[in-house]
C-alpha atoms as a PDB file:
ATOM      1  CA  MET A   1     -43.816  56.871  74.250  1.00  0.00           C
ATOM      2  CA  THR A   2     -41.817  53.751  73.466  1.00  0.00           C
ATOM      3  CA  LYS A   3     -42.971  51.579  70.605  1.00  0.00           C
ATOM      4  CA  THR A   4     -42.436  48.048  71.872  1.00  0.00           C
ATOM      5  CA  GLY A   5     -42.470  45.547  69.054  1.00  0.00           C
ATOM      6  CA  SER A   6     -42.355  48.428  66.602  1.00  0.00           C
ATOM      7  CA  LYS A   7     -42.177  47.555  62.939  1.00  0.00           C
ATOM      8  CA  GLN A   8     -40.031  50.607  62.218  1.00  0.00           C
ATOM      9  CA  LYS A   9     -37.240  50.077  59.712  1.00  0.00           C
ATOM     10  CA  VAL A  10     -34.618  52.413  58.307  1.00  0.00           C
ATOM     11  CA  TYR A  11     -34.599  53.216  54.610  1.00  0.00           C
ATOM     12  CA  THR A  12     -31.802  54.760  52.566  1.00  0.00           C
ATOM     13  CA  LEU A  13     -33.120  57.652  50.490  1.00  0.00           C
ATOM     14  CA  VAL A  14     -31.503  60.057  48.044  1.00  0.00           C
ATOM     15  CA  VAL A  15     -33.385  63.345  47.836  1.00  0.00           C
ATOM     16  CA  GLU A  16     -32.859  65.738  44.936  1.00  0.00           C
ATOM     17  CA  LEU A  17     -33.225  69.370  46.007  1.00  0.00           C
ATOM     18  CA  GLY A  18     -33.944  72.484  44.007  1.00  0.00           C
ATOM     19  CA  ARG A  19     -33.068  75.952  45.273  1.00  0.00           C
ATOM     20  CA  LYS A  20     -35.105  77.935  47.751  1.00  0.00           C
ATOM     21  CA  SER A  21     -34.282  81.117  49.633  1.00  0.00           C
ATOM     22  CA  GLY A  22     -32.747  80.236  53.001  1.00  0.00           C
ATOM     23  CA  ASP A  23     -31.938  76.630  52.058  1.00  0.00           C
ATOM     24  CA  GLY A  24     -28.335  76.864  53.266  1.00  0.00           C
ATOM     25  CA  LEU A  25     -26.818  75.536  50.048  1.00  0.00           C
ATOM     26  CA  PRO A  26     -23.614  77.175  48.783  1.00  0.00           C
ATOM     27  CA  ASP A  27     -23.777  80.289  46.595  1.00  0.00           C
ATOM     28  CA  GLY A  28     -23.944  79.311  42.950  1.00  0.00           C
ATOM     29  CA  ALA A  29     -25.344  75.844  43.614  1.00  0.00           C
ATOM     30  CA  THR A  30     -28.262  74.885  41.392  1.00  0.00           C
ATOM     31  CA  GLY A  31     -29.486  72.271  43.854  1.00  0.00           C
ATOM     32  CA  ALA A  32     -28.169  69.288  45.761  1.00  0.00           C
ATOM     33  CA  ALA A  33     -28.533  65.614  46.501  1.00  0.00           C
ATOM     34  CA  LEU A  34     -28.980  64.487  50.094  1.00  0.00           C
ATOM     35  CA  MET A  35     -28.327  60.944  51.215  1.00  0.00           C
ATOM     36  CA  CYS A  36     -30.615  60.276  54.151  1.00  0.00           C
ATOM     37  CA  TYR A  37     -31.476  57.438  56.490  1.00  0.00           C
ATOM     38  CA  ALA A  38     -35.114  57.655  57.508  1.00  0.00           C
ATOM     39  CA  SER A  39     -37.209  55.495  59.800  1.00  0.00           C
ATOM     40  CA  GLY A  40     -40.709  54.391  58.917  1.00  0.00           C
ATOM     41  CA  VAL A  41     -43.061  51.434  59.024  1.00  0.00           C
ATOM     42  CA  ASP A  42     -42.609  51.315  55.246  1.00  0.00           C
ATOM     43  CA  GLU A  43     -40.639  53.204  52.624  1.00  0.00           C
ATOM     44  CA  ALA A  44     -43.602  55.436  51.730  1.00  0.00           C
ATOM     45  CA  GLU A  45     -43.810  56.696  55.324  1.00  0.00           C
ATOM     46  CA  ALA A  46     -40.042  57.256  55.428  1.00  0.00           C
ATOM     47  CA  VAL A  47     -40.277  59.306  52.224  1.00  0.00           C
ATOM     48  CA  ARG A  48     -43.235  61.378  53.500  1.00  0.00           C
ATOM     49  CA  GLU A  49     -41.473  62.145  56.794  1.00  0.00           C
ATOM     50  CA  THR A  50     -38.224  63.061  55.039  1.00  0.00           C
ATOM     51  CA  VAL A  51     -39.942  65.410  52.587  1.00  0.00           C
ATOM     52  CA  ALA A  52     -41.911  67.070  55.413  1.00  0.00           C
ATOM     53  CA  ILE A  53     -38.788  67.639  57.505  1.00  0.00           C
ATOM     54  CA  LEU A  54     -36.828  69.058  54.569  1.00  0.00           C
ATOM     55  CA  LYS A  55     -39.669  71.442  53.721  1.00  0.00           C
ATOM     56  CA  GLN A  56     -39.718  72.619  57.359  1.00  0.00           C
ATOM     57  CA  ALA A  57     -35.980  73.300  56.986  1.00  0.00           C
ATOM     58  CA  ASP A  58     -36.678  75.640  54.019  1.00  0.00           C
ATOM     59  CA  MET A  59     -35.390  73.152  51.464  1.00  0.00           C
ATOM     60  CA  ALA A  60     -37.071  72.319  48.154  1.00  0.00           C
ATOM     61  CA  PRO A  61     -37.271  68.529  47.692  1.00  0.00           C
ATOM     62  CA  LEU A  62     -37.985  67.661  44.053  1.00  0.00           C
ATOM     63  CA  ASP A  63     -37.549  63.901  43.868  1.00  0.00           C
ATOM     64  CA  VAL A  64     -36.805  60.997  46.205  1.00  0.00           C
ATOM     65  CA  THR A  65     -35.206  57.696  45.231  1.00  0.00           C
ATOM     66  CA  GLY A  66     -35.481  54.851  47.728  1.00  0.00           C
ATOM     67  CA  TYR A  67     -32.761  52.219  48.040  1.00  0.00           C
ATOM     68  CA  GLY A  68     -34.528  50.060  50.638  1.00  0.00           C
ATOM     69  CA  THR A  69     -33.545  48.789  54.057  1.00  0.00           C
ATOM     70  CA  GLU A  70     -30.065  47.690  55.095  1.00  0.00           C
ATOM     71  CA  ASP A  71     -30.982  44.041  54.388  1.00  0.00           C
ATOM     72  CA  GLU A  72     -32.426  44.907  50.977  1.00  0.00           C
ATOM     73  CA  ARG A  73     -29.319  46.896  50.084  1.00  0.00           C
ATOM     74  CA  ARG A  74     -27.025  44.023  51.136  1.00  0.00           C
ATOM     75  CA  GLU A  75     -29.076  41.635  48.966  1.00  0.00           C
ATOM     76  CA  ALA A  76     -28.519  44.065  46.067  1.00  0.00           C
ATOM     77  CA  GLY A  77     -24.764  43.875  46.656  1.00  0.00           C
ATOM     78  CA  HIS A  78     -24.220  47.198  48.427  1.00  0.00           C
ATOM     79  CA  GLU A  79     -21.339  47.396  50.873  1.00  0.00           C
ATOM     80  CA  ILE A  80     -22.377  49.095  54.115  1.00  0.00           C
ATOM     81  CA  ASP A  81     -19.592  50.234  56.407  1.00  0.00           C
ATOM     82  CA  ALA A  82     -19.653  50.693  60.182  1.00  0.00           C
ATOM     83  CA  GLU A  83     -20.211  54.466  59.951  1.00  0.00           C
ATOM     84  CA  GLU A  84     -23.237  53.989  57.704  1.00  0.00           C
ATOM     85  CA  ARG A  85     -24.653  51.280  60.011  1.00  0.00           C
ATOM     86  CA  ALA A  86     -24.200  53.648  62.978  1.00  0.00           C
ATOM     87  CA  LEU A  87     -26.160  56.396  61.195  1.00  0.00           C
ATOM     88  CA  MET A  88     -28.917  53.918  60.350  1.00  0.00           C
ATOM     89  CA  ALA A  89     -29.055  52.786  63.989  1.00  0.00           C
ATOM     90  CA  ARG A  90     -29.335  56.418  65.091  1.00  0.00           C
ATOM     91  CA  ALA A  91     -32.236  57.053  62.700  1.00  0.00           C
ATOM     92  CA  LEU A  92     -34.032  53.982  64.071  1.00  0.00           C
ATOM     93  CA  GLU A  93     -33.301  54.783  67.723  1.00  0.00           C
ATOM     94  CA  GLU A  94     -34.429  58.411  67.375  1.00  0.00           C
ATOM     95  CA  ASN A  95     -37.274  57.592  64.953  1.00  0.00           C
ATOM     96  CA  SER A  96     -35.884  60.354  62.780  1.00  0.00           C
ATOM     97  CA  VAL A  97     -34.251  61.350  59.526  1.00  0.00           C
ATOM     98  CA  VAL A  98     -30.454  61.529  59.463  1.00  0.00           C
ATOM     99  CA  VAL A  99     -28.837  63.440  56.595  1.00  0.00           C
ATOM    100  CA  ALA A 100     -25.589  61.579  55.973  1.00  0.00           C
ATOM    101  CA  GLN A 101     -24.237  63.472  52.982  1.00  0.00           C
ATOM    102  CA  ILE A 102     -24.971  66.645  51.011  1.00  0.00           C
ATOM    103  CA  THR A 103     -23.665  66.973  47.460  1.00  0.00           C
ATOM    104  CA  PRO A 104     -24.332  70.425  45.965  1.00  0.00           C
ATOM    105  CA  TYR A 105     -24.875  70.686  42.201  1.00  0.00           C
ATOM    106  CA  PHE A 106     -23.280  73.438  40.189  1.00  0.00           C
ATOM    107  CA  ASP A 107     -23.864  74.464  36.585  1.00  0.00           C
ATOM    108  CA  LYS A 108     -20.530  73.677  34.932  1.00  0.00           C
ATOM    109  CA  ALA A 109     -20.872  76.671  32.609  1.00  0.00           C
ATOM    110  CA  THR A 110     -20.991  79.189  35.464  1.00  0.00           C
ATOM    111  CA  HIS A 111     -19.102  77.481  38.301  1.00  0.00           C
ATOM    112  CA  LYS A 112     -15.355  77.883  38.590  1.00  0.00           C
ATOM    113  CA  GLY A 113     -13.852  75.369  40.925  1.00  0.00           C
END
């Protein structure tokens, strides 16, 4: 079903993850940060959808920080390159969540590397 005149927007979210069995994070990681682009009629919906999808993927979302829409980020002085705009367009077109970057966390005391 196509949403003509849809009010969907894409929001940039950073999701902090804890560890969960089967989460796919590297051995020794204590968690991770995911940078995501998520569509929604508002940021709250984008956050809810992102958390639900990550839980379905056996991940353990702990916290979500929203950075707003592309326009809001530009107003805040963020530079947004062509690759990032393409990922945002994909999230809007597919009405989905696109994980753009995964940054695993390691405990410095136990991680060598």
